[in-house]
């Protein structure tokens, strides 16, 4: 079983992986920008087997809220390593406006 510190370290690599591999976040249709997470990613409320991740998809936050007024699929991955080679969890969720 993974301890909380190791799990949170792995989650911190999520942001690094997103920066290193911007194409990972593309699902469905192409984006007009490289980084949809311009406002960052935060985490909190850790449990032994989970954590809450929060972000706001806003490639252009000062233009009409930053995203279209429709739900968009977002693919996520958590890896043990900075290079995102040892992915331990992943999935796709729908982000709502």
PDB file of N, CA and C in Angstrom:
ATOM      1  N   UNK A   1       0.840  -1.181   0.000  1.00  0.00           N
ATOM      2  CA  UNK A   1       0.000   0.000   0.000  1.00  0.00           C
ATOM      3  C   UNK A   1       0.888   1.248   0.000  1.00  0.00           C
ATOM      4  N   UNK A   2       0.527   2.218  -0.775  1.00  0.00           N
ATOM      5  CA  UNK A   2       1.275   3.460  -0.874  1.00  0.00           C
ATOM      6  C   UNK A   2       0.933   4.367   0.299  1.00  0.00           C
ATOM      7  N   UNK A   3       1.966   4.967   0.906  1.00  0.00           N
ATOM      8  CA  UNK A   3       1.683   5.902   1.987  1.00  0.00           C
ATOM      9  C   UNK A   3       1.298   7.264   1.405  1.00  0.00           C
ATOM     10  N   UNK A   4       0.765   8.127   2.237  1.00  0.00           N
ATOM     11  CA  UNK A   4       0.250   9.417   1.797  1.00  0.00           C
ATOM     12  C   UNK A   4       1.328  10.276   1.139  1.00  0.00           C
ATOM     13  N   UNK A   5       2.513  10.302   1.708  1.00  0.00           N
ATOM     14  CA  UNK A   5       3.592  11.130   1.160  1.00  0.00           C
ATOM     15  C   UNK A   5       3.948  10.689  -0.259  1.00  0.00           C
ATOM     16  N   UNK A   6       4.099   9.384  -0.460  1.00  0.00           N
ATOM     17  CA  UNK A   6       4.433   8.869  -1.787  1.00  0.00           C
ATOM     18  C   UNK A   6       3.320   9.184  -2.780  1.00  0.00           C
ATOM     19  N   UNK A   7       2.082   9.027  -2.337  1.00  0.00           N
ATOM     20  CA  UNK A   7       0.943   9.304  -3.198  1.00  0.00           C
ATOM     21  C   UNK A   7       0.913  10.779  -3.603  1.00  0.00           C
ATOM     22  N   UNK A   8       1.124  11.676  -2.642  1.00  0.00           N
ATOM     23  CA  UNK A   8       1.108  13.104  -2.950  1.00  0.00           C
ATOM     24  C   UNK A   8       2.283  13.504  -3.830  1.00  0.00           C
ATOM     25  N   UNK A   9       3.428  12.856  -3.639  1.00  0.00           N
ATOM     26  CA  UNK A   9       4.565  13.127  -4.515  1.00  0.00           C
ATOM     27  C   UNK A   9       4.218  12.726  -5.945  1.00  0.00           C
ATOM     28  N   UNK A  10       3.544  11.594  -6.078  1.00  0.00           N
ATOM     29  CA  UNK A  10       3.115  11.160  -7.404  1.00  0.00           C
ATOM     30  C   UNK A  10       2.143  12.142  -8.030  1.00  0.00           C
ATOM     31  N   UNK A  11       1.232  12.685  -7.215  1.00  0.00           N
ATOM     32  CA  UNK A  11       0.282  13.662  -7.736  1.00  0.00           C
ATOM     33  C   UNK A  11       0.975  14.950  -8.160  1.00  0.00           C
ATOM     34  N   UNK A  12       2.007  15.331  -7.428  1.00  0.00           N
ATOM     35  CA  UNK A  12       2.723  16.550  -7.805  1.00  0.00           C
ATOM     36  C   UNK A  12       3.372  16.389  -9.174  1.00  0.00           C
ATOM     37  N   UNK A  13       3.705  15.168  -9.520  1.00  0.00           N
ATOM     38  CA  UNK A  13       4.289  14.913 -10.838  1.00  0.00           C
ATOM     39  C   UNK A  13       3.260  15.058 -11.950  1.00  0.00           C
ATOM     40  N   UNK A  14       1.984  14.996 -11.580  1.00  0.00           N
ATOM     41  CA  UNK A  14       0.923  15.168 -12.567  1.00  0.00           C
ATOM     42  C   UNK A  14       1.072  16.505 -13.287  1.00  0.00           C
ATOM     43  N   UNK A  15       1.301  17.558 -12.524  1.00  0.00           N
ATOM     44  CA  UNK A  15       1.481  18.876 -13.126  1.00  0.00           C
ATOM     45  C   UNK A  15       2.721  18.950 -13.986  1.00  0.00           C
ATOM     46  N   UNK A  16       3.799  18.326 -13.523  1.00  0.00           N
ATOM     47  CA  UNK A  16       5.030  18.310 -14.308  1.00  0.00           C
ATOM     48  C   UNK A  16       4.827  17.546 -15.608  1.00  0.00           C
ATOM     49  N   UNK A  17       4.101  16.446 -15.515  1.00  0.00           N
ATOM     50  CA  UNK A  17       3.827  15.663 -16.718  1.00  0.00           C
ATOM     51  C   UNK A  17       2.963  16.434 -17.702  1.00  0.00           C
ATOM     52  N   UNK A  18       2.016  17.200 -17.178  1.00  0.00           N
ATOM     53  CA  UNK A  18       1.162  18.003 -18.054  1.00  0.00           C
ATOM     54  C   UNK A  18       1.979  19.058 -18.777  1.00  0.00           C
ATOM     55  N   UNK A  19       2.937  19.648 -18.072  1.00  0.00           N
ATOM     56  CA  UNK A  19       3.784  20.667 -18.695  1.00  0.00           C
ATOM     57  C   UNK A  19       4.720  20.044 -19.728  1.00  0.00           C
ATOM     58  N   UNK A  20       5.223  18.853 -19.426  1.00  0.00           N
ATOM     59  CA  UNK A  20       6.170  18.194 -20.320  1.00  0.00           C
ATOM     60  C   UNK A  20       5.486  17.592 -21.546  1.00  0.00           C
ATOM     61  N   UNK A  21       4.232  17.191 -21.391  1.00  0.00           N
ATOM     62  CA  UNK A  21       3.507  16.527 -22.471  1.00  0.00           C
ATOM     63  C   UNK A  21       2.146  17.179 -22.675  1.00  0.00           C
ATOM     64  N   UNK A  22       2.095  18.381 -23.235  1.00  0.00           N
ATOM     65  CA  UNK A  22       0.821  19.064 -23.369  1.00  0.00           C
ATOM     66  C   UNK A  22      -0.192  18.309 -24.216  1.00  0.00           C
ATOM     67  N   UNK A  23       0.230  17.468 -25.145  1.00  0.00           N
ATOM     68  CA  UNK A  23      -0.703  16.717 -25.972  1.00  0.00           C
ATOM     69  C   UNK A  23      -1.468  15.653 -25.218  1.00  0.00           C
ATOM     70  N   UNK A  24      -1.006  15.286 -24.026  1.00  0.00           N
ATOM     71  CA  UNK A  24      -1.685  14.269 -23.224  1.00  0.00           C
ATOM     72  C   UNK A  24      -3.099  14.702 -22.889  1.00  0.00           C
ATOM     73  N   UNK A  25      -3.315  15.994 -22.725  1.00  0.00           N
ATOM     74  CA  UNK A  25      -4.616  16.490 -22.280  1.00  0.00           C
ATOM     75  C   UNK A  25      -5.603  16.641 -23.428  1.00  0.00           C
ATOM     76  N   UNK A  26      -5.188  16.433 -24.643  1.00  0.00           N
ATOM     77  CA  UNK A  26      -6.085  16.616 -25.773  1.00  0.00           C
ATOM     78  C   UNK A  26      -6.960  15.382 -25.941  1.00  0.00           C
ATOM     79  N   UNK A  27      -8.261  15.576 -25.884  1.00  0.00           N
ATOM     80  CA  UNK A  27      -9.217  14.496 -26.100  1.00  0.00           C
ATOM     81  C   UNK A  27     -10.255  15.007 -27.089  1.00  0.00           C
ATOM     82  N   UNK A  28     -10.491  14.270 -28.137  1.00  0.00           N
ATOM     83  CA  UNK A  28     -11.532  14.648 -29.073  1.00  0.00           C
ATOM     84  C   UNK A  28     -11.067  15.625 -30.129  1.00  0.00           C
ATOM     85  N   UNK A  29     -11.169  16.895 -29.857  1.00  0.00           N
ATOM     86  CA  UNK A  29     -10.845  17.896 -30.864  1.00  0.00           C
ATOM     87  C   UNK A  29      -9.590  18.679 -30.488  1.00  0.00           C
ATOM     88  N   UNK A  30      -8.908  19.232 -31.454  1.00  0.00           N
ATOM     89  CA  UNK A  30      -7.675  19.973 -31.157  1.00  0.00           C
ATOM     90  C   UNK A  30      -7.965  21.273 -30.421  1.00  0.00           C
ATOM     91  N   UNK A  31      -7.005  21.703 -29.626  1.00  0.00           N
ATOM     92  CA  UNK A  31      -7.100  22.967 -28.891  1.00  0.00           C
ATOM     93  C   UNK A  31      -6.348  24.045 -29.656  1.00  0.00           C
ATOM     94  N   UNK A  32      -6.637  25.278 -29.310  1.00  0.00           N
ATOM     95  CA  UNK A  32      -5.935  26.384 -29.947  1.00  0.00           C
ATOM     96  C   UNK A  32      -4.723  26.829 -29.141  1.00  0.00           C
ATOM     97  N   UNK A  33      -4.529  26.262 -27.945  1.00  0.00           N
ATOM     98  CA  UNK A  33      -3.391  26.626 -27.102  1.00  0.00           C
ATOM     99  C   UNK A  33      -2.726  25.365 -26.584  1.00  0.00           C
ATOM    100  N   UNK A  34      -1.497  25.511 -26.084  1.00  0.00           N
ATOM    101  CA  UNK A  34      -0.752  24.361 -25.591  1.00  0.00           C
ATOM    102  C   UNK A  34      -1.118  23.957 -24.173  1.00  0.00           C
ATOM    103  N   UNK A  35      -1.530  24.907 -23.322  1.00  0.00           N
ATOM    104  CA  UNK A  35      -1.760  24.601 -21.915  1.00  0.00           C
ATOM    105  C   UNK A  35      -3.130  25.093 -21.466  1.00  0.00           C
ATOM    106  N   UNK A  36      -4.106  24.191 -21.306  1.00  0.00           N
ATOM    107  CA  UNK A  36      -5.426  24.634 -20.863  1.00  0.00           C
ATOM    108  C   UNK A  36      -5.468  24.960 -19.372  1.00  0.00           C
ATOM    109  N   UNK A  37      -4.427  24.574 -18.617  1.00  0.00           N
ATOM    110  CA  UNK A  37      -4.415  24.777 -17.169  1.00  0.00           C
ATOM    111  C   UNK A  37      -3.626  26.034 -16.803  1.00  0.00           C
ATOM    112  N   UNK A  38      -3.974  27.159 -17.414  1.00  0.00           N
ATOM    113  CA  UNK A  38      -3.237  28.402 -17.185  1.00  0.00           C
ATOM    114  C   UNK A  38      -3.379  28.909 -15.761  1.00  0.00           C
ATOM    115  N   UNK A  39      -4.400  28.478 -15.041  1.00  0.00           N
ATOM    116  CA  UNK A  39      -4.618  28.920 -13.663  1.00  0.00           C
ATOM    117  C   UNK A  39      -4.084  27.918 -12.654  1.00  0.00           C
ATOM    118  N   UNK A  40      -3.415  26.864 -13.117  1.00  0.00           N
ATOM    119  CA  UNK A  40      -2.775  25.903 -12.225  1.00  0.00           C
ATOM    120  C   UNK A  40      -3.668  24.741 -11.827  1.00  0.00           C
ATOM    121  N   UNK A  41      -3.087  23.855 -11.027  1.00  0.00           N
ATOM    122  CA  UNK A  41      -3.769  22.680 -10.493  1.00  0.00           C
ATOM    123  C   UNK A  41      -3.491  22.654  -9.002  1.00  0.00           C
ATOM    124  N   UNK A  42      -4.511  22.393  -8.194  1.00  0.00           N
ATOM    125  CA  UNK A  42      -4.343  22.336  -6.741  1.00  0.00           C
ATOM    126  C   UNK A  42      -4.817  20.981  -6.235  1.00  0.00           C
ATOM    127  N   UNK A  43      -4.345  20.598  -5.072  1.00  0.00           N
ATOM    128  CA  UNK A  43      -4.812  19.355  -4.457  1.00  0.00           C
ATOM    129  C   UNK A  43      -5.062  19.603  -2.980  1.00  0.00           C
ATOM    130  N   UNK A  44      -5.875  18.749  -2.403  1.00  0.00           N
ATOM    131  CA  UNK A  44      -6.176  18.888  -0.986  1.00  0.00           C
ATOM    132  C   UNK A  44      -7.008  17.730  -0.504  1.00  0.00           C
ATOM    133  N   UNK A  45      -7.340  17.756   0.755  1.00  0.00           N
ATOM    134  CA  UNK A  45      -8.171  16.738   1.388  1.00  0.00           C
ATOM    135  C   UNK A  45      -7.653  15.328   1.114  1.00  0.00           C
ATOM    136  N   UNK A  46      -6.352  15.076   1.423  1.00  0.00           N
ATOM    137  CA  UNK A  46      -5.790  13.749   1.123  1.00  0.00           C
ATOM    138  C   UNK A  46      -6.309  12.658   2.057  1.00  0.00           C
ATOM    139  N   UNK A  47      -6.503  11.491   1.506  1.00  0.00           N
ATOM    140  CA  UNK A  47      -6.853  10.282   2.237  1.00  0.00           C
ATOM    141  C   UNK A  47      -5.753   9.264   1.977  1.00  0.00           C
ATOM    142  N   UNK A  48      -5.730   8.168   2.700  1.00  0.00           N
ATOM    143  CA  UNK A  48      -4.710   7.145   2.425  1.00  0.00           C
ATOM    144  C   UNK A  48      -4.789   6.596   0.999  1.00  0.00           C
ATOM    145  N   UNK A  49      -5.982   6.637   0.400  1.00  0.00           N
ATOM    146  CA  UNK A  49      -6.145   6.054  -0.935  1.00  0.00           C
ATOM    147  C   UNK A  49      -6.702   7.029  -1.966  1.00  0.00           C
ATOM    148  N   UNK A  50      -6.626   8.334  -1.697  1.00  0.00           N
ATOM    149  CA  UNK A  50      -7.157   9.283  -2.661  1.00  0.00           C
ATOM    150  C   UNK A  50      -6.866  10.720  -2.274  1.00  0.00           C
ATOM    151  N   UNK A  51      -7.208  11.614  -3.176  1.00  0.00           N
ATOM    152  CA  UNK A  51      -7.006  13.041  -2.952  1.00  0.00           C
ATOM    153  C   UNK A  51      -7.956  13.795  -3.881  1.00  0.00           C
ATOM    154  N   UNK A  52      -8.296  15.009  -3.508  1.00  0.00           N
ATOM    155  CA  UNK A  52      -9.113  15.865  -4.353  1.00  0.00           C
ATOM    156  C   UNK A  52      -8.183  16.733  -5.196  1.00  0.00           C
ATOM    157  N   UNK A  53      -8.387  16.716  -6.499  1.00  0.00           N
ATOM    158  CA  UNK A  53      -7.649  17.599  -7.404  1.00  0.00           C
ATOM    159  C   UNK A  53      -8.616  18.662  -7.907  1.00  0.00           C
ATOM    160  N   UNK A  54      -8.144  19.899  -7.982  1.00  0.00           N
ATOM    161  CA  UNK A  54      -8.980  20.986  -8.463  1.00  0.00           C
ATOM    162  C   UNK A  54      -8.199  21.777  -9.487  1.00  0.00           C
ATOM    163  N   UNK A  55      -8.876  22.126 -10.554  1.00  0.00           N
ATOM    164  CA  UNK A  55      -8.291  23.012 -11.554  1.00  0.00           C
ATOM    165  C   UNK A  55      -9.414  23.702 -12.297  1.00  0.00           C
ATOM    166  N   UNK A  56      -9.052  24.670 -13.063  1.00  0.00           N
ATOM    167  CA  UNK A  56     -10.018  25.325 -13.939  1.00  0.00           C
ATOM    168  C   UNK A  56      -9.410  25.350 -15.329  1.00  0.00           C
ATOM    169  N   UNK A  57     -10.090  24.729 -16.255  1.00  0.00           N
ATOM    170  CA  UNK A  57      -9.653  24.770 -17.647  1.00  0.00           C
ATOM    171  C   UNK A  57      -9.930  26.170 -18.177  1.00  0.00           C
ATOM    172  N   UNK A  58      -8.885  26.890 -18.481  1.00  0.00           N
ATOM    173  CA  UNK A  58      -9.059  28.251 -18.981  1.00  0.00           C
ATOM    174  C   UNK A  58      -7.840  28.654 -19.801  1.00  0.00           C
ATOM    175  N   UNK A  59      -7.744  28.169 -21.040  1.00  0.00           N
ATOM    176  CA  UNK A  59      -6.599  28.533 -21.865  1.00  0.00           C
ATOM    177  C   UNK A  59      -6.478  30.042 -22.055  1.00  0.00           C
ATOM    178  N   UNK A  60      -7.612  30.733 -22.069  1.00  0.00           N
ATOM    179  CA  UNK A  60      -7.625  32.192 -22.219  1.00  0.00           C
ATOM    180  C   UNK A  60      -8.617  32.758 -21.204  1.00  0.00           C
ATOM    181  N   UNK A  61      -8.235  32.832 -19.907  1.00  0.00           N
ATOM    182  CA  UNK A  61      -9.190  33.162 -18.849  1.00  0.00           C
ATOM    183  C   UNK A  61      -9.818  34.544 -18.958  1.00  0.00           C
ATOM    184  N   UNK A  62      -9.213  35.471 -19.669  1.00  0.00           N
ATOM    185  CA  UNK A  62      -9.775  36.813 -19.779  1.00  0.00           C
ATOM    186  C   UNK A  62     -10.693  36.978 -20.984  1.00  0.00           C
ATOM    187  N   UNK A  63     -10.909  35.912 -21.719  1.00  0.00           N
ATOM    188  CA  UNK A  63     -11.761  35.978 -22.907  1.00  0.00           C
ATOM    189  C   UNK A  63     -12.982  35.087 -22.709  1.00  0.00           C
ATOM    190  N   UNK A  64     -14.091  35.663 -22.335  1.00  0.00           N
ATOM    191  CA  UNK A  64     -15.346  34.924 -22.211  1.00  0.00           C
ATOM    192  C   UNK A  64     -15.309  33.769 -21.230  1.00  0.00           C
ATOM    193  N   UNK A  65     -14.553  33.871 -20.163  1.00  0.00           N
ATOM    194  CA  UNK A  65     -14.484  32.803 -19.174  1.00  0.00           C
ATOM    195  C   UNK A  65     -13.421  31.766 -19.463  1.00  0.00           C
ATOM    196  N   UNK A  66     -12.826  31.810 -20.628  1.00  0.00           N
ATOM    197  CA  UNK A  66     -11.708  30.928 -20.920  1.00  0.00           C
ATOM    198  C   UNK A  66     -12.043  29.643 -21.643  1.00  0.00           C
ATOM    199  N   UNK A  67     -13.299  29.225 -21.639  1.00  0.00           N
ATOM    200  CA  UNK A  67     -13.697  27.969 -22.287  1.00  0.00           C
ATOM    201  C   UNK A  67     -15.063  28.146 -22.936  1.00  0.00           C
ATOM    202  N   UNK A  68     -15.396  27.266 -23.887  1.00  0.00           N
ATOM    203  CA  UNK A  68     -16.734  27.327 -24.477  1.00  0.00           C
ATOM    204  C   UNK A  68     -17.792  26.948 -23.446  1.00  0.00           C
ATOM    205  N   UNK A  69     -19.015  27.363 -23.678  1.00  0.00           N
ATOM    206  CA  UNK A  69     -20.119  27.082 -22.755  1.00  0.00           C
ATOM    207  C   UNK A  69     -20.694  25.691 -23.011  1.00  0.00           C
ATOM    208  N   UNK A  70     -19.845  24.683 -22.973  1.00  0.00           N
ATOM    209  CA  UNK A  70     -20.271  23.294 -23.163  1.00  0.00           C
ATOM    210  C   UNK A  70     -19.341  22.374 -22.381  1.00  0.00           C
ATOM    211  N   UNK A  71     -19.818  21.177 -22.110  1.00  0.00           N
ATOM    212  CA  UNK A  71     -18.988  20.195 -21.406  1.00  0.00           C
ATOM    213  C   UNK A  71     -17.890  19.702 -22.344  1.00  0.00           C
ATOM    214  N   UNK A  72     -16.691  19.510 -21.782  1.00  0.00           N
ATOM    215  CA  UNK A  72     -15.574  19.012 -22.581  1.00  0.00           C
ATOM    216  C   UNK A  72     -14.903  17.851 -21.846  1.00  0.00           C
ATOM    217  N   UNK A  73     -14.463  16.820 -22.576  1.00  0.00           N
ATOM    218  CA  UNK A  73     -13.769  15.705 -21.927  1.00  0.00           C
ATOM    219  C   UNK A  73     -12.334  16.092 -21.568  1.00  0.00           C
ATOM    220  N   UNK A  74     -11.906  15.669 -20.387  1.00  0.00           N
ATOM    221  CA  UNK A  74     -10.539  15.927 -19.922  1.00  0.00           C
ATOM    222  C   UNK A  74      -9.925  14.602 -19.497  1.00  0.00           C
ATOM    223  N   UNK A  75      -8.807  14.252 -20.099  1.00  0.00           N
ATOM    224  CA  UNK A  75      -8.097  13.027 -19.717  1.00  0.00           C
ATOM    225  C   UNK A  75      -7.066  13.371 -18.655  1.00  0.00           C
ATOM    226  N   UNK A  76      -6.990  12.532 -17.603  1.00  0.00           N
ATOM    227  CA  UNK A  76      -6.032  12.763 -16.523  1.00  0.00           C
ATOM    228  C   UNK A  76      -5.222  11.504 -16.280  1.00  0.00           C
ATOM    229  N   UNK A  77      -3.999  11.698 -15.795  1.00  0.00           N
ATOM    230  CA  UNK A  77      -3.118  10.582 -15.440  1.00  0.00           C
ATOM    231  C   UNK A  77      -2.292  10.967 -14.220  1.00  0.00           C
ATOM    232  N   UNK A  78      -2.008   9.989 -13.386  1.00  0.00           N
ATOM    233  CA  UNK A  78      -1.109  10.146 -12.243  1.00  0.00           C
ATOM    234  C   UNK A  78      -0.014   9.107 -12.414  1.00  0.00           C
ATOM    235  N   UNK A  79       1.234   9.548 -12.304  1.00  0.00           N
ATOM    236  CA  UNK A  79       2.366   8.645 -12.502  1.00  0.00           C
ATOM    237  C   UNK A  79       3.317   8.709 -11.320  1.00  0.00           C
ATOM    238  N   UNK A  80       4.080   7.649 -11.163  1.00  0.00           N
ATOM    239  CA  UNK A  80       5.094   7.593 -10.105  1.00  0.00           C
ATOM    240  C   UNK A  80       6.351   8.382 -10.471  1.00  0.00           C
ATOM    241  N   UNK A  81       6.565   8.612 -11.757  1.00  0.00           N
ATOM    242  CA  UNK A  81       7.807   9.249 -12.198  1.00  0.00           C
ATOM    243  C   UNK A  81       7.521  10.526 -12.980  1.00  0.00           C
ATOM    244  N   UNK A  82       8.506  11.385 -13.004  1.00  0.00           N
ATOM    245  CA  UNK A  82       8.388  12.679 -13.665  1.00  0.00           C
ATOM    246  C   UNK A  82       8.172  12.545 -15.170  1.00  0.00           C
ATOM    247  N   UNK A  83       8.703  11.502 -15.765  1.00  0.00           N
ATOM    248  CA  UNK A  83       8.553  11.289 -17.198  1.00  0.00           C
ATOM    249  C   UNK A  83       7.220  10.681 -17.600  1.00  0.00           C
ATOM    250  N   UNK A  84       6.341  10.439 -16.635  1.00  0.00           N
ATOM    251  CA  UNK A  84       5.008   9.877 -16.880  1.00  0.00           C
ATOM    252  C   UNK A  84       5.075   8.504 -17.558  1.00  0.00           C
ATOM    253  N   UNK A  85       6.104   7.718 -17.228  1.00  0.00           N
ATOM    254  CA  UNK A  85       6.246   6.380 -17.785  1.00  0.00           C
ATOM    255  C   UNK A  85       5.598   5.319 -16.899  1.00  0.00           C
ATOM    256  N   UNK A  86       5.483   5.597 -15.595  1.00  0.00           N
ATOM    257  CA  UNK A  86       4.910   4.644 -14.643  1.00  0.00           C
ATOM    258  C   UNK A  86       3.538   5.141 -14.183  1.00  0.00           C
ATOM    259  N   UNK A  87       2.586   5.153 -15.093  1.00  0.00           N
ATOM    260  CA  UNK A  87       1.243   5.646 -14.795  1.00  0.00           C
ATOM    261  C   UNK A  87       0.550   4.657 -13.861  1.00  0.00           C
ATOM    262  N   UNK A  88       0.012   5.175 -12.750  1.00  0.00           N
ATOM    263  CA  UNK A  88      -0.664   4.316 -11.778  1.00  0.00           C
ATOM    264  C   UNK A  88      -2.181   4.454 -11.847  1.00  0.00           C
ATOM    265  N   UNK A  89      -2.670   5.565 -12.332  1.00  0.00           N
ATOM    266  CA  UNK A  89      -4.113   5.779 -12.487  1.00  0.00           C
ATOM    267  C   UNK A  89      -4.339   6.739 -13.639  1.00  0.00           C
ATOM    268  N   UNK A  90      -5.503   6.638 -14.233  1.00  0.00           N
ATOM    269  CA  UNK A  90      -5.868   7.552 -15.302  1.00  0.00           C
ATOM    270  C   UNK A  90      -7.333   7.404 -15.632  1.00  0.00           C
ATOM    271  N   UNK A  91      -7.847   8.326 -16.368  1.00  0.00           N
ATOM    272  CA  UNK A  91      -9.243   8.266 -16.757  1.00  0.00           C
ATOM    273  C   UNK A  91      -9.632   9.503 -17.539  1.00  0.00           C
ATOM    274  N   UNK A  92     -10.902   9.577 -17.868  1.00  0.00           N
ATOM    275  CA  UNK A  92     -11.461  10.733 -18.550  1.00  0.00           C
ATOM    276  C   UNK A  92     -12.687  11.185 -17.781  1.00  0.00           C
ATOM    277  N   UNK A  93     -12.786  12.477 -17.554  1.00  0.00           N
ATOM    278  CA  UNK A  93     -13.949  13.058 -16.883  1.00  0.00           C
ATOM    279  C   UNK A  93     -14.481  14.188 -17.751  1.00  0.00           C
ATOM    280  N   UNK A  94     -15.728  14.532 -17.541  1.00  0.00           N
ATOM    281  CA  UNK A  94     -16.325  15.645 -18.267  1.00  0.00           C
ATOM    282  C   UNK A  94     -16.245  16.901 -17.410  1.00  0.00           C
ATOM    283  N   UNK A  95     -15.656  17.956 -17.959  1.00  0.00           N
ATOM    284  CA  UNK A  95     -15.580  19.246 -17.278  1.00  0.00           C
ATOM    285  C   UNK A  95     -16.784  20.079 -17.709  1.00  0.00           C
ATOM    286  N   UNK A  96     -17.454  20.657 -16.731  1.00  0.00           N
ATOM    287  CA  UNK A  96     -18.637  21.474 -17.002  1.00  0.00           C
ATOM    288  C   UNK A  96     -18.290  22.956 -16.970  1.00  0.00           C
ATOM    289  N   UNK A  97     -18.977  23.753 -17.778  1.00  0.00           N
ATOM    290  CA  UNK A  97     -18.721  25.205 -17.756  1.00  0.00           C
ATOM    291  C   UNK A  97     -19.205  25.832 -16.461  1.00  0.00           C
TER     292      UNK A  97
END
